Amino acid sequence: MNTTMASIIKVDKAATSRIQEVDMNNLDFGRCFTDHMFEMQYESNAWKTAHVKPFGPIQITPALNVLHYGQAVFEGMKAFYVDEHHINLFRPDVHHARFNRSCRRMCIPETSYEVFIEALETLIRLDAAWVPQKRGTALYIRPFIFANEDYLAARVSSTYAYHIIMSPVGAYYAEGFNPVSLTTSPDFVRAVPGGTGEAKTAGNYAASFLPAQQAQQDGFTQVLWLDAIEHKYIEEVGTMNIHFLIDDTLVTPSLSGSVLSGITRDSVIQLAKQWEYEVQERRVSIDEIMQASADGRLKEVFGSGTAAVISPVGLIAHKGQEIQIGNGKIGPLAERLYDTITGIQYGQIEDRFGWTHPVTLHP
């Protein structure tokens, strides 16, 4: 392998590329991975040498701390093809800030933005050919840190592994940009105030799989989570935040300590304010939404998240009752938000918010 030095990262280039094995016109979400990955180890109270290397297996032992106690966090972000000379990262600074907040909650050492952005730029320049060019596709980026001490004790690990892997992806939901269906869960909750709901940690997702599986068996796309205390206030969906257009007011469940602070959620709120919608971040009950639908005031419902960007909701089920939203069609606000956010991401609309971080490719 040819070894070179970036400003702060050691780089080992893959001898050959695997890209010819991938059908870039038929991409599943998160199934194939680019030629390179980032790796950095934490030990003796410090992060050690940062390293970009060929993608491949990592060696672990059965005593690995994270396998038994779940001390792990991750992020999900995307890069977008602009032209042959530029790739756009979307809001990497905000993603990194949330990454560190998750680390703090899970007693994992924080990382510097300098290393984070250098790693992303290095990986993207090496694997630029893996960034799909068709609208609706992107390069999904997964930074993650996990406890890797070989020690069976229920305590904070003393060592960690930090990786970034990347995957060319198509649409997250099988429905694409068509309305999805949601149902509340009578038996399960996602998170409680004071718990880990606002951290992007692995266990949150594992705990949601059973109710999500049951929802899918009943014909729904995902679970619409209610709060754990009164089981009446809407919090989020399994893989995205949720928004309601009631009359001309955009209502979004507030960040209560058990809701993930979505980057796309924040982008939606900023855009809606710029477009002079009344915007409310507050507690919103499922009963209020069912009544707004009955009164003809519920105009649109849609989710927001990195994976799906904007996901229109066409149906909500709760305690045996179902409401249809928008006659199964995509609402004008959801469509405008999707077109605007993706337009900014692909460099086709002016970025007035400073959300994109362009990566200039070597000629």
Protein backbone atom coordinates (compact mmCIF):
# COMPACT_ATOMS: atom_id res chain seq x y z
CA MET A 1 0.00 0.00 0.00
CA ASN A 2 1.06 3.56 -0.68
CA THR A 3 1.30 5.55 2.57
CA THR A 4 1.04 9.37 2.56
CA MET A 5 0.35 11.99 5.19
CA ALA A 6 -2.59 14.39 5.25
CA SER A 7 -2.27 17.38 7.58
CA ILE A 8 -3.32 15.37 10.64
CA ILE A 9 -4.26 11.95 9.29
CA LYS A 10 -2.20 8.99 8.14
CA VAL A 11 -3.54 7.66 4.83
CA ASP A 12 -3.15 4.13 3.43
CA LYS A 13 -4.74 3.86 0.00
CA ALA A 14 -6.47 0.70 -1.17
CA ALA A 15 -4.51 -1.09 -3.88
CA THR A 16 -7.64 -1.61 -6.03
CA SER A 17 -11.21 -0.32 -5.95
CA ARG A 18 -14.33 -2.47 -5.46
CA ILE A 19 -16.63 0.04 -7.15
CA GLN A 20 -17.06 -2.09 -10.27
CA GLU A 21 -18.94 -4.60 -8.07
CA VAL A 22 -21.67 -2.05 -7.30
CA ASP A 23 -24.71 -1.18 -9.45
CA MET A 24 -24.93 2.57 -8.82
CA ASN A 25 -28.33 2.68 -10.54
CA ASN A 26 -29.87 0.21 -8.09
CA LEU A 27 -28.77 1.13 -4.58
CA ASP A 28 -30.19 -0.28 -1.36
CA PHE A 29 -29.70 1.78 1.79
CA GLY A 30 -26.57 0.87 3.73
CA ARG A 31 -25.72 -2.37 1.91
CA CYS A 32 -22.39 -1.59 0.24
CA PHE A 33 -19.43 0.44 1.44
CA THR A 34 -16.70 2.50 -0.15
CA ASP A 35 -13.04 1.56 -0.50
CA HIS A 36 -11.80 3.40 2.59
CA MET A 37 -12.69 4.00 6.23
CA PHE A 38 -11.42 6.16 9.08
CA GLU A 39 -10.07 4.77 12.34
CA MET A 40 -8.73 6.29 15.57
CA GLN A 41 -8.12 4.69 18.96
CA TYR A 42 -8.50 6.18 22.44
CA GLU A 43 -6.27 4.94 25.25
CA SER A 44 -4.27 6.39 28.16
CA ASN A 45 -6.76 9.31 28.29
CA ALA A 46 -6.03 10.55 24.76
CA TRP A 47 -7.02 10.00 21.14
CA LYS A 48 -4.09 8.51 19.22
CA THR A 49 -3.04 8.67 15.53
CA ALA A 50 -5.89 9.21 13.08
CA HIS A 51 -5.79 6.78 10.16
CA VAL A 52 -7.63 6.38 6.86
CA LYS A 53 -7.25 2.82 5.59
CA PRO A 54 -8.90 0.32 3.23
CA PHE A 55 -12.40 -0.69 4.31
CA GLY A 56 -12.42 -4.07 5.97
CA PRO A 57 -13.17 -6.10 9.10
CA ILE A 58 -12.11 -4.92 12.53
CA GLN A 59 -10.80 -7.43 15.07
CA ILE A 60 -12.70 -7.83 18.33
CA THR A 61 -12.78 -10.31 21.21
CA PRO A 62 -15.79 -11.88 22.96
CA ALA A 63 -15.03 -9.74 26.02
CA LEU A 64 -15.42 -6.46 24.14
CA ASN A 65 -17.08 -3.95 26.46
CA VAL A 66 -19.65 -2.61 23.98
CA LEU A 67 -21.04 -6.09 23.27
CA HIS A 68 -22.08 -6.43 26.90
CA TYR A 69 -22.86 -2.90 28.09
CA GLY A 70 -23.79 -0.98 24.93
CA GLN A 71 -21.52 2.05 25.31
CA ALA A 72 -21.70 3.33 21.73
CA VAL A 73 -22.81 6.41 19.79
CA PHE A 74 -23.12 7.22 16.11
CA GLU A 75 -24.08 9.90 13.61
CA GLY A 76 -25.74 9.77 10.21
CA MET A 77 -25.00 12.38 7.56
CA LYS A 78 -24.71 12.69 3.80
CA ALA A 79 -22.52 13.98 0.99
CA PHE A 80 -24.01 15.08 -2.36
CA TYR A 81 -22.66 15.22 -5.90
CA VAL A 82 -22.53 18.78 -7.23
CA ASP A 83 -20.26 18.43 -10.24
CA GLU A 84 -17.02 16.70 -11.20
CA HIS A 85 -15.04 19.11 -9.01
CA HIS A 86 -17.24 19.49 -5.91
CA ILE A 87 -19.03 17.33 -3.34
CA ASN A 88 -21.25 18.95 -0.69
CA LEU A 89 -21.39 17.89 2.95
CA PHE A 90 -24.60 19.02 4.65
CA ARG A 91 -24.24 20.73 8.04
CA PRO A 92 -21.22 18.74 9.28
CA ASP A 93 -20.58 21.21 12.13
CA VAL A 94 -24.04 20.59 13.60
CA HIS A 95 -23.68 16.84 13.18
CA HIS A 96 -20.35 16.93 15.00
CA ALA A 97 -21.82 19.00 17.83
CA ARG A 98 -24.61 16.43 18.27
CA PHE A 99 -22.05 13.62 18.10
CA ASN A 100 -20.21 15.16 21.03
CA ARG A 101 -23.45 15.67 22.98
CA SER A 102 -24.19 11.97 22.55
CA CYS A 103 -20.66 11.15 23.68
CA ARG A 104 -21.07 13.21 26.84
CA ARG A 105 -24.33 11.43 27.72
CA MET A 106 -22.72 8.00 27.23
CA CYS A 107 -19.44 8.82 29.06
CA ILE A 108 -17.44 8.60 25.82
CA PRO A 109 -14.53 11.01 25.24
CA GLU A 110 -15.35 13.83 22.84
CA THR A 111 -13.57 14.39 19.53
CA SER A 112 -12.29 17.51 17.78
CA TYR A 113 -14.01 19.07 14.79
CA GLU A 114 -10.61 19.48 13.15
CA VAL A 115 -10.07 15.71 12.98
CA PHE A 116 -13.71 15.08 12.08
CA ILE A 117 -13.79 17.40 9.05
CA GLU A 118 -10.29 16.40 7.91
CA ALA A 119 -11.32 12.75 8.01
CA LEU A 120 -14.48 13.44 6.00
CA GLU A 121 -12.66 15.48 3.37
CA THR A 122 -9.91 12.86 3.06
CA LEU A 123 -12.40 10.02 2.67
CA ILE A 124 -14.52 11.89 0.13
CA ARG A 125 -11.53 12.82 -2.03
CA LEU A 126 -10.31 9.22 -1.99
CA ASP A 127 -13.76 7.75 -2.69
CA ALA A 128 -15.30 10.50 -4.83
CA ALA A 129 -16.24 7.98 -7.51
CA TRP A 130 -18.58 6.34 -4.97
CA VAL A 131 -20.77 9.45 -4.66
CA PRO A 132 -23.82 8.65 -6.81
CA GLN A 133 -24.87 11.37 -9.23
CA LYS A 134 -28.59 10.75 -9.70
CA ARG A 135 -31.04 13.06 -7.88
CA GLY A 136 -32.42 11.30 -4.81
CA THR A 137 -29.17 9.46 -4.14
CA ALA A 138 -26.26 10.39 -1.88
CA LEU A 139 -23.20 9.12 -0.07
CA TYR A 140 -24.32 8.17 3.43
CA ILE A 141 -21.68 8.77 6.11
CA ARG A 142 -21.65 6.90 9.42
CA PRO A 143 -19.27 8.12 12.15
CA PHE A 144 -19.40 5.95 15.28
CA ILE A 145 -17.51 5.37 18.51
CA PHE A 146 -17.70 2.30 20.73
CA ALA A 147 -16.11 1.07 23.95
CA ASN A 148 -13.48 -1.53 23.07
CA GLU A 149 -11.88 -2.47 26.36
CA ASP A 150 -11.70 -6.24 26.95
CA TYR A 151 -13.15 -6.21 30.43
CA LEU A 152 -16.40 -7.66 31.76
CA ALA A 153 -17.39 -5.01 34.26
CA ALA A 154 -20.42 -2.70 34.26
CA ARG A 155 -18.42 0.51 34.26
CA VAL A 156 -17.12 3.14 31.86
CA SER A 157 -14.55 1.77 29.43
CA SER A 158 -11.00 3.14 29.38
CA THR A 159 -10.49 2.58 25.63
CA TYR A 160 -12.56 3.39 22.53
CA ALA A 161 -12.53 2.94 18.77
CA TYR A 162 -13.67 5.77 16.47
CA HIS A 163 -14.58 4.89 12.88
CA ILE A 164 -16.19 6.54 9.87
CA ILE A 165 -17.59 4.40 7.05
CA MET A 166 -19.47 5.50 3.93
CA SER A 167 -22.12 3.94 1.70
CA PRO A 168 -23.73 5.07 -1.58
CA VAL A 169 -27.50 5.03 -1.01
CA GLY A 170 -30.85 5.47 -2.67
CA ALA A 171 -34.19 6.15 -0.93
CA TYR A 172 -34.46 5.10 2.72
CA TYR A 173 -38.11 4.04 2.67
CA ALA A 174 -39.44 1.64 0.04
CA GLU A 175 -42.23 4.18 -0.54
CA GLY A 176 -39.62 6.72 -1.70
CA PHE A 177 -41.14 10.22 -1.57
CA ASN A 178 -44.66 8.83 -1.32
CA PRO A 179 -46.70 9.06 1.90
CA VAL A 180 -45.91 6.57 4.68
CA SER A 181 -48.30 5.22 7.31
CA LEU A 182 -47.78 5.47 11.08
CA THR A 183 -49.36 3.90 14.14
CA THR A 184 -49.05 4.61 17.84
CA SER A 185 -48.00 1.75 20.11
CA PRO A 186 -50.31 0.82 23.01
CA ASP A 187 -47.67 -1.16 24.87
CA PHE A 188 -44.23 0.36 24.28
CA VAL A 189 -42.40 3.66 24.72
CA ARG A 190 -39.19 4.83 23.06
CA ALA A 191 -37.57 6.90 25.81
CA VAL A 192 -38.19 8.71 29.09
CA PRO A 193 -37.02 12.14 30.26
CA GLY A 194 -33.66 11.71 31.94
CA GLY A 195 -32.90 8.63 29.85
CA THR A 196 -30.90 8.41 26.63
CA GLY A 197 -33.61 9.42 24.14
CA GLU A 198 -31.85 12.62 23.11
CA ALA A 199 -28.56 10.78 22.47
CA LYS A 200 -27.87 8.97 19.22
CA THR A 201 -26.88 5.75 20.92
CA ALA A 202 -27.21 2.20 19.67
CA GLY A 203 -29.49 0.84 22.42
CA ASN A 204 -32.26 3.32 21.63
CA TYR A 205 -32.72 1.72 18.24
CA ALA A 206 -32.48 -1.88 19.41
CA ALA A 207 -35.24 -1.22 21.95
CA SER A 208 -37.52 0.13 19.21
CA PHE A 209 -37.22 -2.87 16.86
CA LEU A 210 -39.95 -5.04 18.40
CA PRO A 211 -42.76 -2.45 18.27
CA ALA A 212 -41.56 -1.33 14.82
CA GLN A 213 -41.67 -4.94 13.66
CA GLN A 214 -45.18 -5.33 15.02
CA ALA A 215 -46.27 -2.13 13.29
CA GLN A 216 -44.91 -3.38 9.98
CA GLN A 217 -46.67 -6.72 10.41
CA ASP A 218 -49.88 -4.73 10.82
CA GLY A 219 -49.21 -2.91 7.54
CA PHE A 220 -47.70 0.34 8.82
CA THR A 221 -44.35 1.86 7.93
CA GLN A 222 -43.25 2.99 11.39
CA VAL A 223 -44.30 3.73 14.97
CA LEU A 224 -45.43 7.20 16.02
CA TRP A 225 -44.00 7.38 19.52
CA LEU A 226 -45.93 8.89 22.43
CA ASP A 227 -44.41 10.13 25.67
CA ALA A 228 -43.61 7.58 28.36
CA ILE A 229 -45.31 9.34 31.29
CA GLU A 230 -48.84 10.20 30.12
CA HIS A 231 -48.73 8.27 26.84
CA LYS A 232 -50.53 11.08 25.02
CA TYR A 233 -47.95 13.57 23.74
CA ILE A 234 -46.31 12.91 20.39
CA GLU A 235 -42.52 12.75 20.42
CA GLU A 236 -41.07 11.39 17.17
CA VAL A 237 -41.12 8.50 14.69
CA GLY A 238 -38.69 5.58 14.86
CA THR A 239 -36.23 7.08 12.38
CA MET A 240 -37.25 10.72 12.05
CA ASN A 241 -38.76 13.76 13.72
CA ILE A 242 -42.38 14.67 12.98
CA HIS A 243 -44.17 17.90 11.95
CA PHE A 244 -47.84 18.89 11.66
CA LEU A 245 -49.33 21.69 9.56
CA ILE A 246 -52.49 22.75 11.39
CA ASP A 247 -54.24 25.52 9.45
CA ASP A 248 -51.22 27.69 8.56
CA THR A 249 -49.15 26.84 11.64
CA LEU A 250 -46.26 24.37 11.59
CA VAL A 251 -46.33 22.49 14.90
CA THR A 252 -43.30 20.40 15.90
CA PRO A 253 -42.98 18.44 19.17
CA SER A 254 -40.56 20.26 21.45
CA LEU A 255 -37.21 18.80 22.48
CA SER A 256 -38.26 17.41 25.84
CA GLY A 257 -35.10 15.49 26.71
CA SER A 258 -36.41 12.26 25.21
CA VAL A 259 -36.52 13.46 21.57
CA LEU A 260 -33.54 13.40 19.22
CA SER A 261 -32.47 16.87 18.11
CA GLY A 262 -32.70 16.33 14.36
CA ILE A 263 -30.52 18.33 12.00
CA THR A 264 -33.18 18.16 9.26
CA ARG A 265 -35.79 19.06 11.89
CA ASP A 266 -33.87 22.26 12.57
CA SER A 267 -33.53 22.94 8.84
CA VAL A 268 -37.31 22.56 8.38
CA ILE A 269 -38.04 25.00 11.21
CA GLN A 270 -35.58 27.59 9.89
CA LEU A 271 -37.01 27.41 6.38
CA ALA A 272 -40.63 27.60 7.58
CA LYS A 273 -39.81 30.73 9.59
CA GLN A 274 -38.11 32.29 6.57
CA TRP A 275 -41.25 31.55 4.52
CA GLU A 276 -43.28 33.36 7.20
CA TYR A 277 -45.22 30.39 8.51
CA GLU A 278 -46.18 30.57 12.15
CA VAL A 279 -43.89 27.99 13.79
CA GLN A 280 -44.55 26.40 17.17
CA GLU A 281 -42.27 24.01 19.03
CA ARG A 282 -44.45 22.65 21.83
CA ARG A 283 -46.13 19.64 23.32
CA VAL A 284 -48.73 18.28 20.94
CA SER A 285 -51.06 15.45 21.90
CA ILE A 286 -52.30 12.67 19.66
CA ASP A 287 -55.85 13.68 20.62
CA GLU A 288 -55.21 17.20 19.31
CA ILE A 289 -54.05 15.78 15.99
CA MET A 290 -57.03 13.41 15.70
CA GLN A 291 -59.40 16.31 16.47
CA ALA A 292 -57.64 18.68 14.04
CA SER A 293 -58.14 16.04 11.36
CA ALA A 294 -61.84 15.67 12.24
CA ASP A 295 -62.24 19.46 12.08
CA GLY A 296 -60.54 19.66 8.67
CA ARG A 297 -57.68 21.74 10.09
CA LEU A 298 -54.88 19.16 9.71
CA LYS A 299 -53.41 20.05 6.34
CA GLU A 300 -50.16 18.06 6.28
CA VAL A 301 -48.05 15.68 8.34
CA PHE A 302 -44.47 14.83 7.44
CA GLY A 303 -41.32 13.47 8.99
CA SER A 304 -37.81 14.86 8.68
CA GLY A 305 -34.46 13.13 8.97
CA THR A 306 -31.09 12.71 7.33
CA ALA A 307 -31.95 9.38 5.72
CA ALA A 308 -35.32 10.28 4.18
CA VAL A 309 -34.93 14.12 4.21
CA ILE A 310 -38.72 14.75 4.12
CA SER A 311 -41.16 11.87 4.38
CA PRO A 312 -44.87 12.71 3.87
CA VAL A 313 -47.33 10.91 6.15
CA GLY A 314 -50.57 9.78 4.56
CA LEU A 315 -52.17 7.88 7.45
CA ILE A 316 -52.04 7.79 11.25
CA ALA A 317 -53.66 5.05 13.33
CA HIS A 318 -54.40 5.38 17.05
CA LYS A 319 -56.51 3.12 19.28
CA GLY A 320 -58.39 1.59 16.38
CA GLN A 321 -59.08 4.91 14.63
CA GLU A 322 -57.36 5.99 11.42
CA ILE A 323 -57.05 9.41 9.86
CA GLN A 324 -56.09 10.12 6.27
CA ILE A 325 -53.94 13.14 5.55
CA GLY A 326 -53.98 14.91 2.19
CA ASN A 327 -55.94 12.18 0.37
CA GLY A 328 -52.76 10.14 0.16
CA LYS A 329 -50.96 12.86 -1.78
CA ILE A 330 -47.81 14.84 -1.00
CA GLY A 331 -48.60 18.20 0.58
CA PRO A 332 -47.29 21.44 -0.94
CA LEU A 333 -45.24 22.40 2.15
CA ALA A 334 -43.60 18.97 2.39
CA GLU A 335 -42.80 19.08 -1.30
CA ARG A 336 -41.40 22.62 -1.08
CA LEU A 337 -39.24 21.67 1.90
CA TYR A 338 -37.95 18.56 0.14
CA ASP A 339 -37.17 20.45 -3.06
CA THR A 340 -35.46 23.28 -1.17
CA ILE A 341 -33.36 21.16 1.19
CA THR A 342 -32.25 18.77 -1.53
CA GLY A 343 -31.69 21.69 -3.90
CA ILE A 344 -29.31 23.23 -1.37
CA GLN A 345 -27.64 19.87 -0.77
CA TYR A 346 -27.00 19.28 -4.49
CA GLY A 347 -25.82 22.87 -5.03
CA GLN A 348 -28.77 23.73 -7.27
CA ILE A 349 -30.30 26.33 -4.92
CA GLU A 350 -28.43 29.17 -3.24
CA ASP A 351 -27.40 28.25 0.30
CA ARG A 352 -28.39 31.33 2.29
CA PHE A 353 -27.91 29.58 5.63
CA GLY A 354 -24.33 28.40 5.20
CA TRP A 355 -25.43 24.78 5.60
CA THR A 356 -23.21 23.19 2.96
CA HIS A 357 -19.52 22.44 3.34
CA PRO A 358 -18.09 22.05 -0.20
CA VAL A 359 -15.28 19.57 -0.66
CA THR A 360 -13.14 20.48 -3.67
CA LEU A 361 -11.85 17.39 -5.45
CA HIS A 362 -8.30 17.21 -6.72
CA PRO A 363 -8.10 17.80 -10.51
